[in-house]
N, C-alpha and C. Protein backbone atom coordinates (compact mmCIF):
# COMPACT_ATOMS: atom_id res chain seq x y z
N MET A 1 -30.58 10.49 20.17
CA MET A 1 -30.95 9.79 18.68
C MET A 1 -30.57 11.24 17.94
N PRO A 2 -29.70 11.02 17.03
CA PRO A 2 -29.51 12.05 15.88
C PRO A 2 -30.69 12.47 15.16
N ILE A 3 -30.67 13.65 14.64
CA ILE A 3 -31.65 14.25 13.76
C ILE A 3 -31.09 14.32 12.24
N ASP A 4 -31.75 13.87 11.13
CA ASP A 4 -31.36 13.91 10.01
C ASP A 4 -32.06 15.11 9.42
N LEU A 5 -31.19 16.29 9.23
CA LEU A 5 -31.77 17.72 9.06
C LEU A 5 -32.24 17.71 7.53
N THR A 6 -31.73 16.59 6.70
CA THR A 6 -32.14 16.84 5.21
C THR A 6 -33.41 16.20 5.07
N LEU A 7 -34.16 15.52 5.86
CA LEU A 7 -35.57 14.97 6.01
C LEU A 7 -36.55 15.79 6.03
N PRO A 8 -37.56 15.77 5.27
CA PRO A 8 -38.75 16.63 5.37
C PRO A 8 -39.23 16.81 6.63
N GLY A 9 -39.62 18.01 7.09
CA GLY A 9 -40.20 18.06 8.34
C GLY A 9 -39.21 18.34 9.48
N GLU A 10 -38.08 18.12 9.32
CA GLU A 10 -36.85 18.10 10.23
C GLU A 10 -36.19 19.48 10.33
N PRO A 11 -35.83 19.96 11.42
CA PRO A 11 -35.88 19.48 12.59
C PRO A 11 -37.24 19.77 13.34
N SER A 12 -37.91 18.74 13.74
CA SER A 12 -39.17 18.88 14.30
C SER A 12 -38.88 19.03 15.96
N LEU A 13 -40.08 20.03 16.50
CA LEU A 13 -40.05 19.95 17.98
C LEU A 13 -39.89 18.58 18.60
N VAL A 14 -40.65 17.74 18.24
CA VAL A 14 -40.41 16.24 18.78
C VAL A 14 -38.95 15.65 18.73
N SER A 15 -38.40 15.92 17.53
CA SER A 15 -37.02 15.27 17.36
C SER A 15 -36.02 16.16 18.30
N VAL A 16 -36.26 17.33 18.33
CA VAL A 16 -35.30 18.17 19.09
C VAL A 16 -35.69 17.72 20.64
N ARG A 17 -36.74 17.60 21.06
CA ARG A 17 -37.15 17.37 22.53
C ARG A 17 -36.54 16.10 22.61
N ARG A 18 -36.46 15.08 21.91
CA ARG A 18 -35.92 13.80 22.15
C ARG A 18 -34.48 13.82 22.20
N LEU A 19 -33.70 14.57 21.13
CA LEU A 19 -32.39 14.77 21.34
C LEU A 19 -31.78 15.24 22.59
N LEU A 20 -32.63 16.44 23.00
CA LEU A 20 -32.02 17.07 24.41
C LEU A 20 -32.48 16.36 25.39
N ALA A 21 -33.50 15.26 25.44
CA ALA A 21 -33.79 14.49 26.43
C ALA A 21 -32.69 13.19 26.71
N GLU A 22 -32.05 12.85 25.71
CA GLU A 22 -31.26 11.75 25.64
C GLU A 22 -29.80 12.36 26.26
N GLY A 23 -29.56 13.85 26.26
CA GLY A 23 -28.34 14.18 26.98
C GLY A 23 -28.21 13.99 28.48
N SER A 24 -27.08 14.25 29.03
CA SER A 24 -26.76 14.23 30.36
C SER A 24 -26.49 15.46 30.83
N ASP A 25 -27.14 16.06 31.92
CA ASP A 25 -26.66 17.11 32.38
C ASP A 25 -25.32 17.07 33.29
N ARG A 26 -24.91 15.80 33.23
CA ARG A 26 -23.65 15.71 34.03
C ARG A 26 -22.35 15.68 33.23
N ALA A 27 -22.49 15.83 31.99
CA ALA A 27 -21.41 16.34 31.28
C ALA A 27 -21.38 17.40 30.19
N HIS A 28 -20.36 17.91 30.04
CA HIS A 28 -20.31 18.94 28.96
C HIS A 28 -20.80 18.50 27.67
N SER A 29 -21.65 19.21 26.98
CA SER A 29 -22.32 18.75 25.66
C SER A 29 -22.23 19.93 24.49
N GLN A 30 -22.19 19.54 23.33
CA GLN A 30 -21.95 20.46 22.25
C GLN A 30 -23.05 19.95 21.11
N LEU A 31 -24.06 20.67 20.58
CA LEU A 31 -24.76 20.14 19.52
C LEU A 31 -23.97 20.52 18.38
N ARG A 32 -23.78 19.42 17.57
CA ARG A 32 -23.03 19.51 16.33
C ARG A 32 -23.78 19.22 15.00
N VAL A 33 -23.41 19.68 13.88
CA VAL A 33 -24.27 19.20 12.75
C VAL A 33 -22.90 19.08 11.65
N ASN A 34 -23.12 17.89 11.17
CA ASN A 34 -21.94 17.44 10.10
C ASN A 34 -22.37 18.01 8.76
N GLU A 35 -21.48 17.79 7.66
CA GLU A 35 -21.75 18.03 6.34
C GLU A 35 -22.88 17.48 5.59
N ALA A 36 -23.18 16.23 6.20
CA ALA A 36 -24.33 15.43 5.83
C ALA A 36 -25.64 15.83 6.30
N GLY A 37 -25.67 17.04 7.43
CA GLY A 37 -26.92 17.24 7.81
C GLY A 37 -27.46 16.64 9.05
N ILE A 38 -26.35 15.77 9.63
CA ILE A 38 -26.77 14.98 10.81
C ILE A 38 -26.51 15.88 12.19
N ALA A 39 -27.52 16.00 12.98
CA ALA A 39 -27.42 17.07 14.17
C ALA A 39 -27.21 15.82 15.44
N TRP A 40 -26.37 16.12 16.16
CA TRP A 40 -26.21 15.28 17.29
C TRP A 40 -25.65 15.95 18.54
N LEU A 41 -25.60 15.39 19.76
CA LEU A 41 -25.17 15.92 20.81
C LEU A 41 -23.82 15.22 21.19
N SER A 42 -22.80 15.92 21.14
CA SER A 42 -21.28 15.35 21.40
C SER A 42 -21.05 15.55 22.85
N THR A 43 -20.53 14.79 23.55
CA THR A 43 -19.89 14.83 24.77
C THR A 43 -18.37 14.45 24.59
N SER A 44 -17.87 13.80 23.73
CA SER A 44 -16.48 13.25 23.70
C SER A 44 -15.58 14.67 22.95
N ALA A 45 -16.26 15.11 21.89
CA ALA A 45 -15.62 16.36 21.38
C ALA A 45 -16.35 17.44 21.37
N ILE A 46 -16.00 18.38 22.15
CA ILE A 46 -16.66 19.79 22.36
C ILE A 46 -15.71 20.72 22.14
N GLY A 47 -16.09 22.07 22.07
CA GLY A 47 -15.28 23.18 21.92
C GLY A 47 -14.98 23.13 20.40
N GLY A 48 -13.57 23.26 20.33
CA GLY A 48 -12.94 23.39 19.22
C GLY A 48 -12.28 22.05 18.75
N GLN A 49 -12.62 21.06 19.34
CA GLN A 49 -12.09 19.83 19.01
C GLN A 49 -12.75 19.04 17.92
N ALA A 50 -11.87 18.39 17.17
CA ALA A 50 -12.46 17.39 16.00
C ALA A 50 -13.32 18.13 15.18
N LEU A 51 -13.04 19.24 14.44
CA LEU A 51 -14.06 19.96 13.68
C LEU A 51 -14.02 19.64 12.25
N ALA A 52 -13.19 18.85 11.93
CA ALA A 52 -13.31 18.19 10.45
C ALA A 52 -14.84 17.72 10.05
N GLY A 53 -15.17 17.84 9.06
CA GLY A 53 -16.35 17.33 8.72
C GLY A 53 -17.72 17.98 9.26
N LEU A 54 -17.55 19.16 10.34
CA LEU A 54 -18.69 19.58 10.76
C LEU A 54 -19.16 20.93 9.69
N ARG A 55 -20.41 21.07 9.81
CA ARG A 55 -20.73 22.18 8.98
C ARG A 55 -21.08 23.27 9.94
N PHE A 56 -21.66 23.15 11.17
CA PHE A 56 -21.64 24.06 12.36
C PHE A 56 -21.87 23.50 13.53
N ARG A 57 -21.45 24.26 14.75
CA ARG A 57 -21.49 23.73 16.06
C ARG A 57 -22.20 24.72 17.04
N LEU A 58 -22.89 24.38 18.07
CA LEU A 58 -23.26 25.37 18.94
C LEU A 58 -22.16 25.57 20.15
N GLU A 59 -22.44 26.65 21.08
CA GLU A 59 -21.39 26.58 21.95
C GLU A 59 -21.46 25.51 23.04
N THR A 60 -20.51 25.09 23.78
CA THR A 60 -20.51 24.19 24.67
C THR A 60 -21.30 24.37 25.88
N TRP A 61 -22.20 23.43 26.10
CA TRP A 61 -23.12 23.57 27.28
C TRP A 61 -22.34 22.93 28.55
N ALA A 62 -22.03 23.60 29.71
CA ALA A 62 -21.27 23.22 30.60
C ALA A 62 -22.17 22.12 31.60
N ALA A 63 -21.66 21.15 32.12
CA ALA A 63 -22.26 20.18 32.84
C ALA A 63 -23.16 20.87 33.83
N GLY A 64 -24.15 20.55 34.18
CA GLY A 64 -25.10 21.36 35.26
C GLY A 64 -25.70 22.37 34.93
N SER A 65 -25.54 22.78 33.56
CA SER A 65 -26.10 24.25 33.02
C SER A 65 -27.60 23.93 32.76
N GLY A 66 -28.15 22.87 32.68
CA GLY A 66 -29.62 22.53 32.51
C GLY A 66 -29.90 22.77 31.02
N CYS A 67 -29.04 22.72 30.26
CA CYS A 67 -29.25 22.65 28.71
C CYS A 67 -29.53 21.52 27.96
N VAL A 68 -29.32 20.41 28.51
CA VAL A 68 -29.59 19.03 28.30
C VAL A 68 -30.13 18.17 29.30
N GLY A 69 -30.82 17.08 28.80
CA GLY A 69 -31.39 16.01 29.99
C GLY A 69 -32.79 16.35 29.59
N PRO A 70 -33.40 15.38 30.70
CA PRO A 70 -34.97 15.29 30.51
C PRO A 70 -35.55 16.79 31.05
N ALA A 71 -35.11 17.46 32.02
CA ALA A 71 -35.78 18.68 32.42
C ALA A 71 -35.61 19.74 31.37
N ALA A 72 -34.38 19.85 30.54
CA ALA A 72 -34.21 20.75 29.49
C ALA A 72 -35.15 20.44 28.32
N ALA A 73 -35.68 19.17 28.10
CA ALA A 73 -36.27 18.77 27.10
C ALA A 73 -37.73 19.23 27.44
N GLN A 74 -38.26 19.42 28.54
CA GLN A 74 -39.52 19.74 28.81
C GLN A 74 -39.71 21.28 29.03
N ASP A 75 -38.69 22.06 28.67
CA ASP A 75 -38.63 23.54 28.56
C ASP A 75 -39.15 23.76 27.22
N ASP A 76 -40.46 24.14 26.83
CA ASP A 76 -41.07 24.33 25.51
C ASP A 76 -40.14 25.46 24.82
N ALA A 77 -39.72 26.59 25.58
CA ALA A 77 -39.18 27.66 24.79
C ALA A 77 -37.83 27.19 24.45
N TRP A 78 -37.20 26.69 25.21
CA TRP A 78 -35.68 26.19 24.96
C TRP A 78 -35.71 25.14 23.73
N VAL A 79 -36.41 24.34 23.71
CA VAL A 79 -36.80 23.33 22.63
C VAL A 79 -36.90 24.03 21.39
N ALA A 80 -38.03 25.05 21.49
CA ALA A 80 -38.39 25.85 20.38
C ALA A 80 -37.03 26.65 19.81
N LYS A 81 -36.23 27.25 20.77
CA LYS A 81 -35.30 27.96 20.40
C LYS A 81 -34.13 27.14 19.78
N ILE A 82 -33.86 25.95 20.16
CA ILE A 82 -33.06 24.85 19.50
C ILE A 82 -33.36 24.65 18.03
N GLN A 83 -34.63 24.36 17.98
CA GLN A 83 -35.15 23.98 16.60
C GLN A 83 -35.03 25.18 15.77
N ALA A 84 -35.33 26.44 16.17
CA ALA A 84 -35.27 27.56 15.34
C ALA A 84 -33.67 27.79 14.79
N VAL A 85 -32.76 27.62 15.72
CA VAL A 85 -31.38 27.58 15.43
C VAL A 85 -31.15 26.62 14.42
N LEU A 86 -31.38 25.57 14.49
CA LEU A 86 -31.24 24.36 13.66
C LEU A 86 -31.70 24.68 12.09
N GLN A 87 -33.23 25.23 12.13
CA GLN A 87 -33.74 25.46 10.79
C GLN A 87 -33.22 26.67 10.34
N SER A 88 -32.75 27.77 10.81
CA SER A 88 -32.31 28.67 10.21
C SER A 88 -30.78 28.56 9.83
N ASN A 89 -30.15 27.64 10.20
CA ASN A 89 -28.64 27.22 9.86
C ASN A 89 -28.47 26.28 9.01
N TRP A 90 -29.39 25.29 8.86
CA TRP A 90 -29.36 24.32 7.79
C TRP A 90 -29.87 24.79 6.48
N PRO A 91 -29.19 24.60 5.41
CA PRO A 91 -27.89 24.17 5.12
C PRO A 91 -26.96 25.13 5.10
N HIS A 92 -27.34 26.44 5.27
CA HIS A 92 -26.33 27.46 5.19
C HIS A 92 -26.22 28.26 6.40
N PRO A 93 -25.20 27.70 7.23
CA PRO A 93 -25.12 28.44 8.64
C PRO A 93 -24.44 29.79 8.61
N ARG A 94 -24.84 30.70 9.32
CA ARG A 94 -24.35 32.01 9.44
C ARG A 94 -22.91 32.02 9.78
N SER A 95 -22.46 30.91 10.51
CA SER A 95 -21.11 30.78 11.00
C SER A 95 -21.00 29.51 11.25
N ASP A 96 -19.65 28.83 11.53
CA ASP A 96 -19.49 27.58 11.70
C ASP A 96 -19.66 27.43 13.29
N TYR A 97 -19.61 28.47 13.94
CA TYR A 97 -19.96 28.56 15.58
C TYR A 97 -20.93 29.31 15.95
N LEU A 98 -22.01 28.93 16.62
CA LEU A 98 -23.30 29.71 16.99
C LEU A 98 -23.41 29.74 18.45
N ASP A 99 -23.32 30.91 18.83
CA ASP A 99 -23.66 31.31 20.24
C ASP A 99 -25.00 31.64 20.25
N ILE A 100 -25.83 30.92 21.00
CA ILE A 100 -27.49 31.22 20.93
C ILE A 100 -27.92 32.14 22.03
N TYR A 101 -26.98 32.41 22.86
CA TYR A 101 -27.49 33.17 24.14
C TYR A 101 -27.38 34.49 23.90
């Protein structure tokens, strides 16, 4: 489920947790945010692919890395880290590509 970062209270821990939980750890994934403020996990366009219309993106998470999926969503520190990255970079990202490690 995408997160609309323009809504009051977003991104919340609940919405970030839900977004991560819906991801599959079996596929490479990338968290992307478009110019309209919609954050989503992409598995079809990752890395430097299909960048038109993006405000920013995080590094690509490799399949099997544990960064997405139900287990990742249960990691409170990881969820908080992703929330903080979204909060601090919307609407003015420090870069169009964010490496959070």
